[in-house]
Full PDB file with SEQRES, HELIX, SHEET, SSBOND, CRYST1, ORIGX, SCALE, CONECT and MASTER records, all heavy atoms in Angstrom:
SEQRES   1 A   33  GLU PHE VAL ALA SER ARG SER GLY ILE ASN THR TYR TYR          
SEQRES   2 A   33  ALA ASP SER VAL LYS GLY ARG PHE THR ILE SER ARG ASP          
SEQRES   3 A   33  ASN ALA LYS ASN THR VAL TYR                                  
HELIX    1 AA1 ASN A   27  LYS A   29  5                                   3    
SHEET    1 AA1 2 ALA A   4  ARG A   6  0                                        
SHEET    2 AA1 2 THR A  11  TYR A  13 -1                                        
SHEET    1 AA2 2 ARG A  25  ASP A  26  0                                        
SHEET    2 AA2 2 THR A  31  VAL A  32 -1                                        
CRYST1    1.000    1.000    1.000  90.00  90.00  90.00 P 1           1          
ORIGX1      1.000000  0.000000  0.000000        0.00000                         
ORIGX2      0.000000  1.000000  0.000000        0.00000                         
ORIGX3      0.000000  0.000000  1.000000        0.00000                         
SCALE1      1.000000  0.000000  0.000000        0.00000                         
SCALE2      0.000000  1.000000  0.000000        0.00000                         
SCALE3      0.000000  0.000000  1.000000        0.00000                         
ATOM      1  N   GLU A   1      15.488  23.196  47.828  1.00  0.00           N  
ATOM      2  CA  GLU A   1      14.680  24.362  47.700  1.00  0.00           C  
ATOM      3  C   GLU A   1      13.794  24.280  46.424  1.00  0.00           C  
ATOM      4  O   GLU A   1      14.176  23.670  45.441  1.00  0.00           O  
ATOM      5  CB  GLU A   1      15.496  25.585  47.659  1.00  0.00           C  
ATOM      6  CG  GLU A   1      16.424  25.781  46.436  1.00  0.00           C  
ATOM      7  CD  GLU A   1      17.126  27.097  46.386  1.00  0.00           C  
ATOM      8  OE1 GLU A   1      16.643  28.076  47.032  1.00  0.00           O  
ATOM      9  OE2 GLU A   1      18.168  27.188  45.679  1.00  0.00           O  
ATOM     10  N   PHE A   2      12.662  24.920  46.511  1.00  0.00           N  
ATOM     11  CA  PHE A   2      11.739  24.978  45.405  1.00  0.00           C  
ATOM     12  C   PHE A   2      12.278  25.930  44.315  1.00  0.00           C  
ATOM     13  O   PHE A   2      12.827  26.960  44.644  1.00  0.00           O  
ATOM     14  CB  PHE A   2      10.375  25.497  45.908  1.00  0.00           C  
ATOM     15  CG  PHE A   2       9.405  25.783  44.852  1.00  0.00           C  
ATOM     16  CD1 PHE A   2       8.646  24.792  44.263  1.00  0.00           C  
ATOM     17  CD2 PHE A   2       9.225  27.105  44.366  1.00  0.00           C  
ATOM     18  CE1 PHE A   2       7.708  25.068  43.273  1.00  0.00           C  
ATOM     19  CE2 PHE A   2       8.277  27.382  43.399  1.00  0.00           C  
ATOM     20  CZ  PHE A   2       7.532  26.351  42.844  1.00  0.00           C  
ATOM     21  N   VAL A   3      12.112  25.555  43.088  1.00  0.00           N  
ATOM     22  CA  VAL A   3      12.538  26.373  41.959  1.00  0.00           C  
ATOM     23  C   VAL A   3      11.350  26.885  41.130  1.00  0.00           C  
ATOM     24  O   VAL A   3      11.200  28.087  40.943  1.00  0.00           O  
ATOM     25  CB  VAL A   3      13.476  25.584  41.037  1.00  0.00           C  
ATOM     26  CG1 VAL A   3      13.875  26.438  39.817  1.00  0.00           C  
ATOM     27  CG2 VAL A   3      14.739  25.203  41.767  1.00  0.00           C  
ATOM     28  N   ALA A   4      10.546  25.971  40.682  1.00  0.00           N  
ATOM     29  CA  ALA A   4       9.376  26.372  39.831  1.00  0.00           C  
ATOM     30  C   ALA A   4       8.387  25.229  39.787  1.00  0.00           C  
ATOM     31  O   ALA A   4       8.728  24.070  39.970  1.00  0.00           O  
ATOM     32  CB  ALA A   4       9.827  26.710  38.432  1.00  0.00           C  
ATOM     33  N   SER A   5       7.144  25.527  39.467  1.00  0.00           N  
ATOM     34  CA  SER A   5       6.137  24.508  39.282  1.00  0.00           C  
ATOM     35  C   SER A   5       5.093  25.036  38.274  1.00  0.00           C  
ATOM     36  O   SER A   5       4.896  26.248  38.124  1.00  0.00           O  
ATOM     37  CB  SER A   5       5.454  24.086  40.556  1.00  0.00           C  
ATOM     38  OG  SER A   5       4.653  25.129  41.108  1.00  0.00           O  
ATOM     39  N   ARG A   6       4.389  24.095  37.678  1.00  0.00           N  
ATOM     40  CA  ARG A   6       3.334  24.449  36.712  1.00  0.00           C  
ATOM     41  C   ARG A   6       2.261  23.399  36.711  1.00  0.00           C  
ATOM     42  O   ARG A   6       2.515  22.219  36.607  1.00  0.00           O  
ATOM     43  CB  ARG A   6       3.901  24.621  35.306  1.00  0.00           C  
ATOM     44  CG  ARG A   6       2.870  25.109  34.320  1.00  0.00           C  
ATOM     45  CD  ARG A   6       3.506  25.552  33.002  1.00  0.00           C  
ATOM     46  NE  ARG A   6       2.569  26.081  32.064  1.00  0.00           N  
ATOM     47  CZ  ARG A   6       2.827  26.645  30.938  1.00  0.00           C  
ATOM     48  NH1 ARG A   6       4.089  26.784  30.582  1.00  0.00           N  
ATOM     49  NH2 ARG A   6       1.878  27.091  30.134  1.00  0.00           N  
ATOM     50  N   SER A   7       1.031  23.867  36.841  1.00  0.00           N  
ATOM     51  CA  SER A   7      -0.151  23.040  36.681  1.00  0.00           C  
ATOM     52  C   SER A   7      -1.004  23.607  35.566  1.00  0.00           C  
ATOM     53  O   SER A   7      -0.529  24.491  34.823  1.00  0.00           O  
ATOM     54  CB  SER A   7      -0.940  22.976  37.977  1.00  0.00           C  
ATOM     55  OG  SER A   7      -1.559  24.242  38.259  1.00  0.00           O  
ATOM     56  N   GLY A   8      -2.223  23.150  35.447  1.00  0.00           N  
ATOM     57  CA  GLY A   8      -3.072  23.701  34.385  1.00  0.00           C  
ATOM     58  C   GLY A   8      -3.520  25.115  34.648  1.00  0.00           C  
ATOM     59  O   GLY A   8      -3.910  25.816  33.704  1.00  0.00           O  
ATOM     60  N   ILE A   9      -3.467  25.589  35.916  1.00  0.00           N  
ATOM     61  CA  ILE A   9      -3.969  26.910  36.240  1.00  0.00           C  
ATOM     62  C   ILE A   9      -2.981  27.816  36.926  1.00  0.00           C  
ATOM     63  O   ILE A   9      -3.241  29.012  37.053  1.00  0.00           O  
ATOM     64  CB  ILE A   9      -5.244  26.793  37.082  1.00  0.00           C  
ATOM     65  CG1 ILE A   9      -4.975  26.011  38.381  1.00  0.00           C  
ATOM     66  CG2 ILE A   9      -6.363  26.127  36.294  1.00  0.00           C  
ATOM     67  CD1 ILE A   9      -6.121  26.023  39.358  1.00  0.00           C  
ATOM     68  N   ASN A  10      -1.914  27.287  37.442  1.00  0.00           N  
ATOM     69  CA  ASN A  10      -0.963  28.087  38.239  1.00  0.00           C  
ATOM     70  C   ASN A  10       0.489  27.841  37.830  1.00  0.00           C  
ATOM     71  O   ASN A  10       0.871  26.726  37.578  1.00  0.00           O  
ATOM     72  CB  ASN A  10      -1.105  27.840  39.734  1.00  0.00           C  
ATOM     73  CG  ASN A  10      -2.486  28.291  40.276  1.00  0.00           C  
ATOM     74  OD1 ASN A  10      -3.268  27.471  40.643  1.00  0.00           O  
ATOM     75  ND2 ASN A  10      -2.654  29.582  40.304  1.00  0.00           N  
ATOM     76  N   THR A  11       1.286  28.897  37.876  1.00  0.00           N  
ATOM     77  CA  THR A  11       2.715  28.795  37.663  1.00  0.00           C  
ATOM     78  C   THR A  11       3.375  29.561  38.820  1.00  0.00           C  
ATOM     79  O   THR A  11       3.004  30.658  39.154  1.00  0.00           O  
ATOM     80  CB  THR A  11       3.118  29.379  36.311  1.00  0.00           C  
ATOM     81  OG1 THR A  11       2.433  28.725  35.265  1.00  0.00           O  
ATOM     82  CG2 THR A  11       4.616  29.221  36.103  1.00  0.00           C  
ATOM     83  N   TYR A  12       4.425  28.984  39.387  1.00  0.00           N  
ATOM     84  CA  TYR A  12       5.131  29.557  40.483  1.00  0.00           C  
ATOM     85  C   TYR A  12       6.635  29.553  40.194  1.00  0.00           C  
ATOM     86  O   TYR A  12       7.128  28.585  39.602  1.00  0.00           O  
ATOM     87  CB  TYR A  12       4.888  28.839  41.806  1.00  0.00           C  
ATOM     88  CG  TYR A  12       3.464  28.846  42.286  1.00  0.00           C  
ATOM     89  CD1 TYR A  12       2.599  27.798  41.895  1.00  0.00           C  
ATOM     90  CD2 TYR A  12       2.972  29.844  43.084  1.00  0.00           C  
ATOM     91  CE1 TYR A  12       1.307  27.790  42.322  1.00  0.00           C  
ATOM     92  CE2 TYR A  12       1.654  29.843  43.508  1.00  0.00           C  
ATOM     93  CZ  TYR A  12       0.789  28.795  43.128  1.00  0.00           C  
ATOM     94  OH  TYR A  12      -0.488  28.777  43.567  1.00  0.00           O  
ATOM     95  N   TYR A  13       7.366  30.572  40.657  1.00  0.00           N  
ATOM     96  CA  TYR A  13       8.780  30.638  40.584  1.00  0.00           C  
ATOM     97  C   TYR A  13       9.343  31.111  41.886  1.00  0.00           C  
ATOM     98  O   TYR A  13       8.817  31.992  42.548  1.00  0.00           O  
ATOM     99  CB  TYR A  13       9.274  31.549  39.467  1.00  0.00           C  
ATOM    100  CG  TYR A  13       8.939  31.114  38.063  1.00  0.00           C  
ATOM    101  CD1 TYR A  13       7.853  31.583  37.384  1.00  0.00           C  
ATOM    102  CD2 TYR A  13       9.786  30.197  37.426  1.00  0.00           C  
ATOM    103  CE1 TYR A  13       7.539  31.180  36.103  1.00  0.00           C  
ATOM    104  CE2 TYR A  13       9.487  29.772  36.157  1.00  0.00           C  
ATOM    105  CZ  TYR A  13       8.387  30.268  35.473  1.00  0.00           C  
ATOM    106  OH  TYR A  13       8.100  29.846  34.186  1.00  0.00           O  
ATOM    107  N   ALA A  14      10.475  30.520  42.287  1.00  0.00           N  
ATOM    108  CA  ALA A  14      11.216  31.071  43.389  1.00  0.00           C  
ATOM    109  C   ALA A  14      11.768  32.460  43.042  1.00  0.00           C  
ATOM    110  O   ALA A  14      12.095  32.716  41.845  1.00  0.00           O  
ATOM    111  CB  ALA A  14      12.365  30.154  43.785  1.00  0.00           C  
ATOM    112  N   ASP A  15      11.857  33.351  44.036  1.00  0.00           N  
ATOM    113  CA  ASP A  15      12.387  34.682  43.752  1.00  0.00           C  
ATOM    114  C   ASP A  15      13.772  34.673  43.118  1.00  0.00           C  
ATOM    115  O   ASP A  15      14.102  35.539  42.330  1.00  0.00           O  
ATOM    116  CB  ASP A  15      12.391  35.506  45.034  1.00  0.00           C  
ATOM    117  CG  ASP A  15      11.021  35.871  45.519  1.00  0.00           C  
ATOM    118  OD1 ASP A  15      10.061  35.809  44.716  1.00  0.00           O  
ATOM    119  OD2 ASP A  15      10.869  36.243  46.666  1.00  0.00           O  
ATOM    120  N   SER A  16      14.560  33.697  43.498  1.00  0.00           N  
ATOM    121  CA  SER A  16      15.945  33.625  43.066  1.00  0.00           C  
ATOM    122  C   SER A  16      16.083  33.316  41.562  1.00  0.00           C  
ATOM    123  O   SER A  16      17.163  33.580  40.963  1.00  0.00           O  
ATOM    124  CB  SER A  16      16.754  32.579  43.845  1.00  0.00           C  
ATOM    125  OG  SER A  16      16.140  31.305  43.709  1.00  0.00           O  
ATOM    126  N   VAL A  17      15.033  32.794  40.930  1.00  0.00           N  
ATOM    127  CA  VAL A  17      15.121  32.419  39.534  1.00  0.00           C  
ATOM    128  C   VAL A  17      14.134  33.146  38.663  1.00  0.00           C  
ATOM    129  O   VAL A  17      14.166  33.052  37.440  1.00  0.00           O  
ATOM    130  CB  VAL A  17      14.936  30.919  39.313  1.00  0.00           C  
ATOM    131  CG1 VAL A  17      15.917  30.119  40.223  1.00  0.00           C  
ATOM    132  CG2 VAL A  17      13.503  30.478  39.650  1.00  0.00           C  
ATOM    133  N   LYS A  18      13.228  33.925  39.267  1.00  0.00           N  
ATOM    134  CA  LYS A  18      12.167  34.591  38.516  1.00  0.00           C  
ATOM    135  C   LYS A  18      12.806  35.540  37.501  1.00  0.00           C  
ATOM    136  O   LYS A  18      13.695  36.347  37.821  1.00  0.00           O  
ATOM    137  CB  LYS A  18      11.252  35.338  39.463  1.00  0.00           C  
ATOM    138  CG  LYS A  18       9.982  35.820  38.838  1.00  0.00           C  
ATOM    139  CD  LYS A  18       9.027  36.383  39.914  1.00  0.00           C  
ATOM    140  CE  LYS A  18       7.684  36.745  39.326  1.00  0.00           C  
ATOM    141  NZ  LYS A  18       6.751  37.234  40.352  1.00  0.00           N  
ATOM    142  N   GLY A  19      12.326  35.472  36.276  1.00  0.00           N  
ATOM    143  CA  GLY A  19      12.861  36.297  35.215  1.00  0.00           C  
ATOM    144  C   GLY A  19      13.988  35.657  34.473  1.00  0.00           C  
ATOM    145  O   GLY A  19      14.343  36.123  33.363  1.00  0.00           O  
ATOM    146  N   ARG A  20      14.547  34.560  34.981  1.00  0.00           N  
ATOM    147  CA  ARG A  20      15.661  33.870  34.308  1.00  0.00           C  
ATOM    148  C   ARG A  20      15.287  32.446  33.908  1.00  0.00           C  
ATOM    149  O   ARG A  20      15.749  31.975  32.870  1.00  0.00           O  
ATOM    150  CB  ARG A  20      16.879  33.792  35.282  1.00  0.00           C  
ATOM    151  CG  ARG A  20      17.416  35.122  35.682  1.00  0.00           C  
ATOM    152  CD  ARG A  20      18.742  34.978  36.412  1.00  0.00           C  
ATOM    153  NE  ARG A  20      18.589  34.229  37.669  1.00  0.00           N  
ATOM    154  CZ  ARG A  20      19.210  33.098  37.912  1.00  0.00           C  
ATOM    155  NH1 ARG A  20      20.046  32.546  37.071  1.00  0.00           N  
ATOM    156  NH2 ARG A  20      19.012  32.482  39.096  1.00  0.00           N  
ATOM    157  N   PHE A  21      14.455  31.780  34.703  1.00  0.00           N  
ATOM    158  CA  PHE A  21      14.079  30.410  34.404  1.00  0.00           C  
ATOM    159  C   PHE A  21      12.616  30.382  33.932  1.00  0.00           C  
ATOM    160  O   PHE A  21      11.786  31.211  34.359  1.00  0.00           O  
ATOM    161  CB  PHE A  21      14.204  29.535  35.650  1.00  0.00           C  
ATOM    162  CG  PHE A  21      15.579  29.294  36.113  1.00  0.00           C  
ATOM    163  CD1 PHE A  21      16.654  29.964  35.626  1.00  0.00           C  
ATOM    164  CD2 PHE A  21      15.767  28.336  37.127  1.00  0.00           C  
ATOM    165  CE1 PHE A  21      17.956  29.694  36.066  1.00  0.00           C  
ATOM    166  CE2 PHE A  21      17.046  28.034  37.572  1.00  0.00           C  
ATOM    167  CZ  PHE A  21      18.130  28.720  37.067  1.00  0.00           C  
ATOM    168  N   THR A  22      12.308  29.419  33.068  1.00  0.00           N  
ATOM    169  CA  THR A  22      10.970  29.237  32.618  1.00  0.00           C  
ATOM    170  C   THR A  22      10.602  27.760  32.637  1.00  0.00           C  
ATOM    171  O   THR A  22      11.348  26.928  32.112  1.00  0.00           O  
ATOM    172  CB  THR A  22      10.765  29.742  31.153  1.00  0.00           C  
ATOM    173  OG1 THR A  22      11.130  31.145  31.099  1.00  0.00           O  
ATOM    174  CG2 THR A  22       9.338  29.556  30.690  1.00  0.00           C  
ATOM    175  N   ILE A  23       9.518  27.437  33.297  1.00  0.00           N  
ATOM    176  CA  ILE A  23       9.022  26.070  33.304  1.00  0.00           C  
ATOM    177  C   ILE A  23       7.947  25.923  32.226  1.00  0.00           C  
ATOM    178  O   ILE A  23       7.089  26.816  32.049  1.00  0.00           O  
ATOM    179  CB  ILE A  23       8.474  25.683  34.663  1.00  0.00           C  
ATOM    180  CG1 ILE A  23       8.106  24.175  34.712  1.00  0.00           C  
ATOM    181  CG2 ILE A  23       7.283  26.521  35.111  1.00  0.00           C  
ATOM    182  CD1 ILE A  23       7.768  23.665  36.120  1.00  0.00           C  
ATOM    183  N   SER A  24       7.996  24.835  31.514  1.00  0.00           N  
ATOM    184  CA  SER A  24       6.968  24.541  30.491  1.00  0.00           C  
ATOM    185  C   SER A  24       6.724  23.038  30.463  1.00  0.00           C  
ATOM    186  O   SER A  24       7.480  22.267  31.028  1.00  0.00           O  
ATOM    187  CB  SER A  24       7.431  25.055  29.123  1.00  0.00           C  
ATOM    188  OG  SER A  24       8.619  24.402  28.723  1.00  0.00           O  
ATOM    189  N   ARG A  25       5.673  22.683  29.790  1.00  0.00           N  
ATOM    190  CA  ARG A  25       5.353  21.261  29.715  1.00  0.00           C  
ATOM    191  C   ARG A  25       4.752  20.941  28.382  1.00  0.00           C  
ATOM    192  O   ARG A  25       4.041  21.753  27.749  1.00  0.00           O  
ATOM    193  CB  ARG A  25       4.424  20.848  30.843  1.00  0.00           C  
ATOM    194  CG  ARG A  25       3.081  21.564  30.904  1.00  0.00           C  
ATOM    195  CD  ARG A  25       2.401  21.305  32.228  1.00  0.00           C  
ATOM    196  NE  ARG A  25       2.079  19.899  32.443  1.00  0.00           N  
ATOM    197  CZ  ARG A  25       1.688  19.364  33.570  1.00  0.00           C  
ATOM    198  NH1 ARG A  25       1.631  20.125  34.702  1.00  0.00           N  
ATOM    199  NH2 ARG A  25       1.387  18.072  33.673  1.00  0.00           N  
ATOM    200  N   ASP A  26       4.982  19.707  27.899  1.00  0.00           N  
ATOM    201  CA  ASP A  26       4.419  19.200  26.681  1.00  0.00           C  
ATOM    202  C   ASP A  26       3.689  17.916  27.068  1.00  0.00           C  
ATOM    203  O   ASP A  26       4.318  16.867  27.200  1.00  0.00           O  
ATOM    204  CB  ASP A  26       5.519  18.912  25.668  1.00  0.00           C  
ATOM    205  CG  ASP A  26       4.964  18.524  24.300  1.00  0.00           C  
ATOM    206  OD1 ASP A  26       3.824  18.052  24.251  1.00  0.00           O  
ATOM    207  OD2 ASP A  26       5.705  18.688  23.322  1.00  0.00           O  
ATOM    208  N   ASN A  27       2.401  18.023  27.205  1.00  0.00           N  
ATOM    209  CA  ASN A  27       1.637  16.883  27.692  1.00  0.00           C  
ATOM    210  C   ASN A  27       1.632  15.754  26.679  1.00  0.00           C  
ATOM    211  O   ASN A  27       1.554  14.580  27.068  1.00  0.00           O  
ATOM    212  CB  ASN A  27       0.152  17.304  27.970  1.00  0.00           C  
ATOM    213  CG  ASN A  27       0.044  18.175  29.213  1.00  0.00           C  
ATOM    214  OD1 ASN A  27       0.919  18.182  30.078  1.00  0.00           O  
ATOM    215  ND2 ASN A  27      -1.019  18.928  29.313  1.00  0.00           N  
ATOM    216  N   ALA A  28       1.694  16.077  25.418  1.00  0.00           N  
ATOM    217  CA  ALA A  28       1.687  15.052  24.352  1.00  0.00           C  
ATOM    218  C   ALA A  28       2.962  14.175  24.456  1.00  0.00           C  
ATOM    219  O   ALA A  28       2.935  13.009  24.094  1.00  0.00           O  
ATOM    220  CB  ALA A  28       1.608  15.662  22.995  1.00  0.00           C  
ATOM    221  N   LYS A  29       4.049  14.746  24.965  1.00  0.00           N  
ATOM    222  CA  LYS A  29       5.320  14.038  25.107  1.00  0.00           C  
ATOM    223  C   LYS A  29       5.588  13.617  26.540  1.00  0.00           C  
ATOM    224  O   LYS A  29       6.644  13.052  26.825  1.00  0.00           O  
ATOM    225  CB  LYS A  29       6.485  14.866  24.590  1.00  0.00           C  
ATOM    226  CG  LYS A  29       6.395  15.190  23.128  1.00  0.00           C  
ATOM    227  CD  LYS A  29       7.543  16.006  22.669  1.00  0.00           C  
ATOM    228  CE  LYS A  29       7.480  16.284  21.158  1.00  0.00           C  
ATOM    229  NZ  LYS A  29       8.645  17.113  20.710  1.00  0.00           N  
ATOM    230  N   ASN A  30       4.668  13.900  27.449  1.00  0.00           N  
ATOM    231  CA  ASN A  30       4.841  13.552  28.848  1.00  0.00           C  
ATOM    232  C   ASN A  30       6.152  14.104  29.437  1.00  0.00           C  
ATOM    233  O   ASN A  30       6.898  13.393  30.140  1.00  0.00           O  
ATOM    234  CB  ASN A  30       4.748  12.045  29.082  1.00  0.00           C  
ATOM    235  CG  ASN A  30       3.360  11.496  28.900  1.00  0.00           C  
ATOM    236  OD1 ASN A  30       2.374  12.230  28.885  1.00  0.00           O  
ATOM    237  ND2 ASN A  30       3.273  10.196  28.746  1.00  0.00           N  
ATOM    238  N   THR A  31       6.447  15.323  29.108  1.00  0.00           N  
ATOM    239  CA  THR A  31       7.729  15.934  29.443  1.00  0.00           C  
ATOM    240  C   THR A  31       7.523  17.335  29.969  1.00  0.00           C  
ATOM    241  O   THR A  31       6.717  18.116  29.466  1.00  0.00           O  
ATOM    242  CB  THR A  31       8.653  15.982  28.234  1.00  0.00           C  
ATOM    243  OG1 THR A  31       8.824  14.633  27.735  1.00  0.00           O  
ATOM    244  CG2 THR A  31      10.002  16.563  28.621  1.00  0.00           C  
ATOM    245  N   VAL A  32       8.276  17.657  31.016  1.00  0.00           N  
ATOM    246  CA  VAL A  32       8.318  19.004  31.552  1.00  0.00           C  
ATOM    247  C   VAL A  32       9.754  19.505  31.422  1.00  0.00           C  
ATOM    248  O   VAL A  32      10.723  18.751  31.506  1.00  0.00           O  
ATOM    249  CB  VAL A  32       7.838  19.034  33.054  1.00  0.00           C  
ATOM    250  CG1 VAL A  32       8.744  18.228  33.915  1.00  0.00           C  
ATOM    251  CG2 VAL A  32       7.735  20.505  33.556  1.00  0.00           C  
ATOM    252  N   TYR A  33       9.881  20.833  31.152  1.00  0.00           N  
ATOM    253  CA  TYR A  33      11.189  21.413  30.899  1.00  0.00           C  
ATOM    254  C   TYR A  33      11.450  22.571  31.866  1.00  0.00           C  
ATOM    255  O   TYR A  33      10.539  23.172  32.403  1.00  0.00           O  
ATOM    256  CB  TYR A  33      11.238  21.993  29.473  1.00  0.00           C  
ATOM    257  CG  TYR A  33      10.885  21.013  28.372  1.00  0.00           C  
ATOM    258  CD1 TYR A  33       9.614  20.885  27.874  1.00  0.00           C  
ATOM    259  CD2 TYR A  33      11.868  20.162  27.857  1.00  0.00           C  
ATOM    260  CE1 TYR A  33       9.284  20.000  26.908  1.00  0.00           C  
ATOM    261  CE2 TYR A  33      11.601  19.245  26.844  1.00  0.00           C  
ATOM    262  CZ  TYR A  33      10.282  19.157  26.364  1.00  0.00           C  
ATOM    263  OH  TYR A  33      10.001  18.265  25.376  1.00  0.00           O  
TER     264      TYR A  33                                                      
MASTER        0    0    0    1    4    0    0    6  263    1    0    3          
END                                                                             
């Protein structure tokens, strides 16, 4: 199942995790959290 995603313009969360989970990214470190 889908949990979360992030691009340069859009962020999405599954209803089951919205408000509890946060997706972020650090392009300089080539890492997503």
